[in-house]
């Protein structure tokens, strides 16, 4: 098992939050993910005037890692300069469930040095994952 480097994850997530494009919410978010390989990837939220075009930091960090060839991850850390620690939103939890094991730690930290952790299972119990599709009966409408 790969050891989780929380200090490196926090530093990468904090640096990413400083690059966030959040002119509408004024809620900058940075995320760092650690792949099974041990490498750390990061992303920030990028908002859009059409709101629906906004992409969260979690999805950007995971996408950056996927572009680099990663498919398995051991930890994720969300950094926000907010007093209240912030877990991932619902759609990000679903994307996290695509690549992380249910027992993987998902943490949140802030500028006050506080940190809180959950497992993915705690954040998204009974997640719809690729295993459901693999075990499904394919329906052929032409039969």
C-alpha atoms as a PDB file:
ATOM      1  CA  UNK A   1       0.000   0.000   0.000  1.00  0.00           C
ATOM      2  CA  UNK A   2       1.206   3.492  -0.846  1.00  0.00           C
ATOM      3  CA  UNK A   3       1.820   5.775   2.143  1.00  0.00           C
ATOM      4  CA  UNK A   4      -0.278   8.928   1.988  1.00  0.00           C
ATOM      5  CA  UNK A   5       1.708  12.160   1.997  1.00  0.00           C
ATOM      6  CA  UNK A   6      -0.800  14.518   3.642  1.00  0.00           C
ATOM      7  CA  UNK A   7       1.688  17.410   3.904  1.00  0.00           C
ATOM      8  CA  UNK A   8       2.415  17.278   0.156  1.00  0.00           C
ATOM      9  CA  UNK A   9      -1.286  16.929  -0.651  1.00  0.00           C
ATOM     10  CA  UNK A  10      -2.108  19.958   1.504  1.00  0.00           C
ATOM     11  CA  UNK A  11       0.668  22.071  -0.046  1.00  0.00           C
ATOM     12  CA  UNK A  12      -0.383  21.142  -3.596  1.00  0.00           C
ATOM     13  CA  UNK A  13      -4.074  21.771  -2.882  1.00  0.00           C
ATOM     14  CA  UNK A  14      -3.345  25.135  -1.263  1.00  0.00           C
ATOM     15  CA  UNK A  15      -1.194  26.206  -4.233  1.00  0.00           C
ATOM     16  CA  UNK A  16      -3.940  25.100  -6.621  1.00  0.00           C
ATOM     17  CA  UNK A  17      -6.567  27.112  -4.710  1.00  0.00           C
ATOM     18  CA  UNK A  18      -4.495  30.228  -5.344  1.00  0.00           C
ATOM     19  CA  UNK A  19      -4.995  29.655  -9.086  1.00  0.00           C
ATOM     20  CA  UNK A  20      -8.765  29.151  -8.846  1.00  0.00           C
ATOM     21  CA  UNK A  21     -10.940  31.136 -11.219  1.00  0.00           C
ATOM     22  CA  UNK A  22     -13.888  31.985  -8.962  1.00  0.00           C
ATOM     23  CA  UNK A  23     -15.160  35.460  -9.954  1.00  0.00           C
ATOM     24  CA  UNK A  24     -18.813  34.563  -9.247  1.00  0.00           C
ATOM     25  CA  UNK A  25     -18.777  32.521  -6.025  1.00  0.00           C
ATOM     26  CA  UNK A  26     -15.568  34.019  -4.595  1.00  0.00           C
ATOM     27  CA  UNK A  27     -15.045  30.516  -3.182  1.00  0.00           C
ATOM     28  CA  UNK A  28     -11.615  29.332  -4.372  1.00  0.00           C
ATOM     29  CA  UNK A  29     -10.987  25.608  -4.066  1.00  0.00           C
ATOM     30  CA  UNK A  30      -7.832  23.604  -4.611  1.00  0.00           C
ATOM     31  CA  UNK A  31      -7.614  19.824  -4.636  1.00  0.00           C
ATOM     32  CA  UNK A  32      -4.748  17.375  -4.686  1.00  0.00           C
ATOM     33  CA  UNK A  33      -5.049  13.664  -5.348  1.00  0.00           C
ATOM     34  CA  UNK A  34      -2.436  11.022  -4.710  1.00  0.00           C
ATOM     35  CA  UNK A  35      -2.379   8.225  -7.244  1.00  0.00           C
ATOM     36  CA  UNK A  36      -1.476   4.638  -6.399  1.00  0.00           C
ATOM     37  CA  UNK A  37       1.854   5.370  -8.096  1.00  0.00           C
ATOM     38  CA  UNK A  38       2.582   7.903  -5.335  1.00  0.00           C
ATOM     39  CA  UNK A  39       2.423  10.879  -7.704  1.00  0.00           C
ATOM     40  CA  UNK A  40       0.363  13.902  -6.706  1.00  0.00           C
ATOM     41  CA  UNK A  41      -1.851  15.830  -9.117  1.00  0.00           C
ATOM     42  CA  UNK A  42      -3.793  18.991  -8.411  1.00  0.00           C
ATOM     43  CA  UNK A  43      -6.600  21.116  -9.772  1.00  0.00           C
ATOM     44  CA  UNK A  44      -8.665  24.183  -8.961  1.00  0.00           C
ATOM     45  CA  UNK A  45     -12.235  25.230  -9.589  1.00  0.00           C
ATOM     46  CA  UNK A  46     -12.848  27.076 -12.845  1.00  0.00           C
ATOM     47  CA  UNK A  47     -16.140  28.965 -12.907  1.00  0.00           C
ATOM     48  CA  UNK A  48     -18.057  30.081 -15.955  1.00  0.00           C
ATOM     49  CA  UNK A  49     -20.621  32.826 -16.541  1.00  0.00           C
ATOM     50  CA  UNK A  50     -23.100  30.154 -17.666  1.00  0.00           C
ATOM     51  CA  UNK A  51     -22.671  28.427 -14.253  1.00  0.00           C
ATOM     52  CA  UNK A  52     -23.330  24.985 -15.772  1.00  0.00           C
ATOM     53  CA  UNK A  53     -19.940  25.275 -17.463  1.00  0.00           C
ATOM     54  CA  UNK A  54     -18.209  25.491 -14.086  1.00  0.00           C
ATOM     55  CA  UNK A  55     -15.836  22.622 -13.266  1.00  0.00           C
ATOM     56  CA  UNK A  56     -14.953  21.767  -9.678  1.00  0.00           C
ATOM     57  CA  UNK A  57     -11.398  21.377  -8.432  1.00  0.00           C
ATOM     58  CA  UNK A  58     -11.892  17.706  -7.613  1.00  0.00           C
ATOM     59  CA  UNK A  59     -12.850  16.844 -11.181  1.00  0.00           C
ATOM     60  CA  UNK A  60     -10.012  18.952 -12.593  1.00  0.00           C
ATOM     61  CA  UNK A  61      -7.435  17.223 -10.367  1.00  0.00           C
ATOM     62  CA  UNK A  62      -8.710  13.757 -11.260  1.00  0.00           C
ATOM     63  CA  UNK A  63      -8.834  14.671 -14.956  1.00  0.00           C
ATOM     64  CA  UNK A  64      -5.224  15.921 -14.857  1.00  0.00           C
ATOM     65  CA  UNK A  65      -4.159  12.601 -13.351  1.00  0.00           C
ATOM     66  CA  UNK A  66      -6.152  10.603 -15.893  1.00  0.00           C
ATOM     67  CA  UNK A  67      -4.508  12.553 -18.733  1.00  0.00           C
ATOM     68  CA  UNK A  68      -1.167  11.484 -17.227  1.00  0.00           C
ATOM     69  CA  UNK A  69      -2.258   7.838 -17.359  1.00  0.00           C
ATOM     70  CA  UNK A  70      -3.374   7.311 -13.760  1.00  0.00           C
ATOM     71  CA  UNK A  71      -6.492   5.283 -13.015  1.00  0.00           C
ATOM     72  CA  UNK A  72      -6.222   4.369  -9.320  1.00  0.00           C
ATOM     73  CA  UNK A  73      -5.972   6.751  -6.383  1.00  0.00           C
ATOM     74  CA  UNK A  74      -5.349   6.447  -2.653  1.00  0.00           C
ATOM     75  CA  UNK A  75      -6.295   9.868  -1.233  1.00  0.00           C
ATOM     76  CA  UNK A  76      -7.853  13.230  -2.015  1.00  0.00           C
ATOM     77  CA  UNK A  77      -7.564  16.518  -0.146  1.00  0.00           C
ATOM     78  CA  UNK A  78      -9.762  19.598  -0.630  1.00  0.00           C
ATOM     79  CA  UNK A  79      -8.312  22.957   0.469  1.00  0.00           C
ATOM     80  CA  UNK A  80     -10.403  26.098   0.915  1.00  0.00           C
ATOM     81  CA  UNK A  81      -9.532  29.347   2.689  1.00  0.00           C
ATOM     82  CA  UNK A  82     -12.819  29.045   4.616  1.00  0.00           C
ATOM     83  CA  UNK A  83     -13.413  28.721   8.341  1.00  0.00           C
ATOM     84  CA  UNK A  84     -15.749  25.765   7.778  1.00  0.00           C
ATOM     85  CA  UNK A  85     -14.104  22.666   6.333  1.00  0.00           C
ATOM     86  CA  UNK A  86     -15.578  21.790   2.948  1.00  0.00           C
ATOM     87  CA  UNK A  87     -16.176  18.254   1.641  1.00  0.00           C
ATOM     88  CA  UNK A  88     -16.667  17.550  -2.091  1.00  0.00           C
ATOM     89  CA  UNK A  89     -20.034  18.326  -3.712  1.00  0.00           C
ATOM     90  CA  UNK A  90     -22.346  15.556  -4.898  1.00  0.00           C
ATOM     91  CA  UNK A  91     -21.203  15.270  -8.515  1.00  0.00           C
ATOM     92  CA  UNK A  92     -17.567  15.270  -7.391  1.00  0.00           C
ATOM     93  CA  UNK A  93     -18.314  12.465  -4.931  1.00  0.00           C
ATOM     94  CA  UNK A  94     -19.659  10.421  -7.849  1.00  0.00           C
ATOM     95  CA  UNK A  95     -16.535  11.122  -9.931  1.00  0.00           C
ATOM     96  CA  UNK A  96     -14.316  10.225  -6.959  1.00  0.00           C
ATOM     97  CA  UNK A  97     -16.221   6.928  -6.633  1.00  0.00           C
ATOM     98  CA  UNK A  98     -15.238   6.091 -10.226  1.00  0.00           C
ATOM     99  CA  UNK A  99     -11.523   5.971  -9.329  1.00  0.00           C
ATOM    100  CA  UNK A 100     -11.197   5.496  -5.546  1.00  0.00           C
ATOM    101  CA  UNK A 101     -11.927   2.506  -3.324  1.00  0.00           C
ATOM    102  CA  UNK A 102     -14.777   2.973  -0.806  1.00  0.00           C
ATOM    103  CA  UNK A 103     -12.329   3.041   2.135  1.00  0.00           C
ATOM    104  CA  UNK A 104     -10.109   5.739   0.531  1.00  0.00           C
ATOM    105  CA  UNK A 105      -9.668   8.831   2.688  1.00  0.00           C
ATOM    106  CA  UNK A 106     -11.075  12.138   1.500  1.00  0.00           C
ATOM    107  CA  UNK A 107      -9.916  15.084   3.589  1.00  0.00           C
ATOM    108  CA  UNK A 108     -10.610  18.786   3.829  1.00  0.00           C
ATOM    109  CA  UNK A 109      -8.243  21.428   5.167  1.00  0.00           C
ATOM    110  CA  UNK A 110      -8.217  25.194   5.488  1.00  0.00           C
ATOM    111  CA  UNK A 111      -6.023  28.224   6.109  1.00  0.00           C
ATOM    112  CA  UNK A 112      -6.417  27.752   9.879  1.00  0.00           C
ATOM    113  CA  UNK A 113      -4.517  24.454   9.764  1.00  0.00           C
ATOM    114  CA  UNK A 114      -7.644  22.418  10.486  1.00  0.00           C
ATOM    115  CA  UNK A 115      -8.252  19.112   8.762  1.00  0.00           C
ATOM    116  CA  UNK A 116     -11.107  16.621   8.736  1.00  0.00           C
ATOM    117  CA  UNK A 117     -11.235  13.222   7.045  1.00  0.00           C
ATOM    118  CA  UNK A 118     -13.956  10.893   5.827  1.00  0.00           C
ATOM    119  CA  UNK A 119     -13.878   7.716   3.809  1.00  0.00           C
ATOM    120  CA  UNK A 120     -15.464   7.815   0.388  1.00  0.00           C
ATOM    121  CA  UNK A 121     -18.000   5.301   1.732  1.00  0.00           C
ATOM    122  CA  UNK A 122     -19.038   7.811   4.413  1.00  0.00           C
ATOM    123  CA  UNK A 123     -19.439  10.593   1.850  1.00  0.00           C
ATOM    124  CA  UNK A 124     -21.269   8.481  -0.738  1.00  0.00           C
ATOM    125  CA  UNK A 125     -22.745   5.280   0.689  1.00  0.00           C
ATOM    126  CA  UNK A 126     -23.838   2.691  -1.866  1.00  0.00           C
ATOM    127  CA  UNK A 127     -22.209   4.614  -4.710  1.00  0.00           C
ATOM    128  CA  UNK A 128     -23.044   3.694  -8.294  1.00  0.00           C
ATOM    129  CA  UNK A 129     -19.695   2.437  -9.571  1.00  0.00           C
ATOM    130  CA  UNK A 130     -18.355   0.571 -12.622  1.00  0.00           C
ATOM    131  CA  UNK A 131     -18.998  -2.710 -10.782  1.00  0.00           C
ATOM    132  CA  UNK A 132     -22.750  -2.210 -11.286  1.00  0.00           C
ATOM    133  CA  UNK A 133     -22.290  -1.893 -15.035  1.00  0.00           C
ATOM    134  CA  UNK A 134     -19.953  -4.881 -15.194  1.00  0.00           C
ATOM    135  CA  UNK A 135     -22.476  -7.059 -13.363  1.00  0.00           C
ATOM    136  CA  UNK A 136     -25.524  -5.862 -15.296  1.00  0.00           C
ATOM    137  CA  UNK A 137     -27.524  -7.848 -17.808  1.00  0.00           C
ATOM    138  CA  UNK A 138     -27.238  -6.125 -21.150  1.00  0.00           C
ATOM    139  CA  UNK A 139     -30.569  -5.609 -22.833  1.00  0.00           C
ATOM    140  CA  UNK A 140     -30.732  -6.144 -26.558  1.00  0.00           C
ATOM    141  CA  UNK A 141     -33.889  -4.522 -27.944  1.00  0.00           C
ATOM    142  CA  UNK A 142     -33.526  -6.379 -31.249  1.00  0.00           C
ATOM    143  CA  UNK A 143     -33.856  -9.835 -29.625  1.00  0.00           C
END
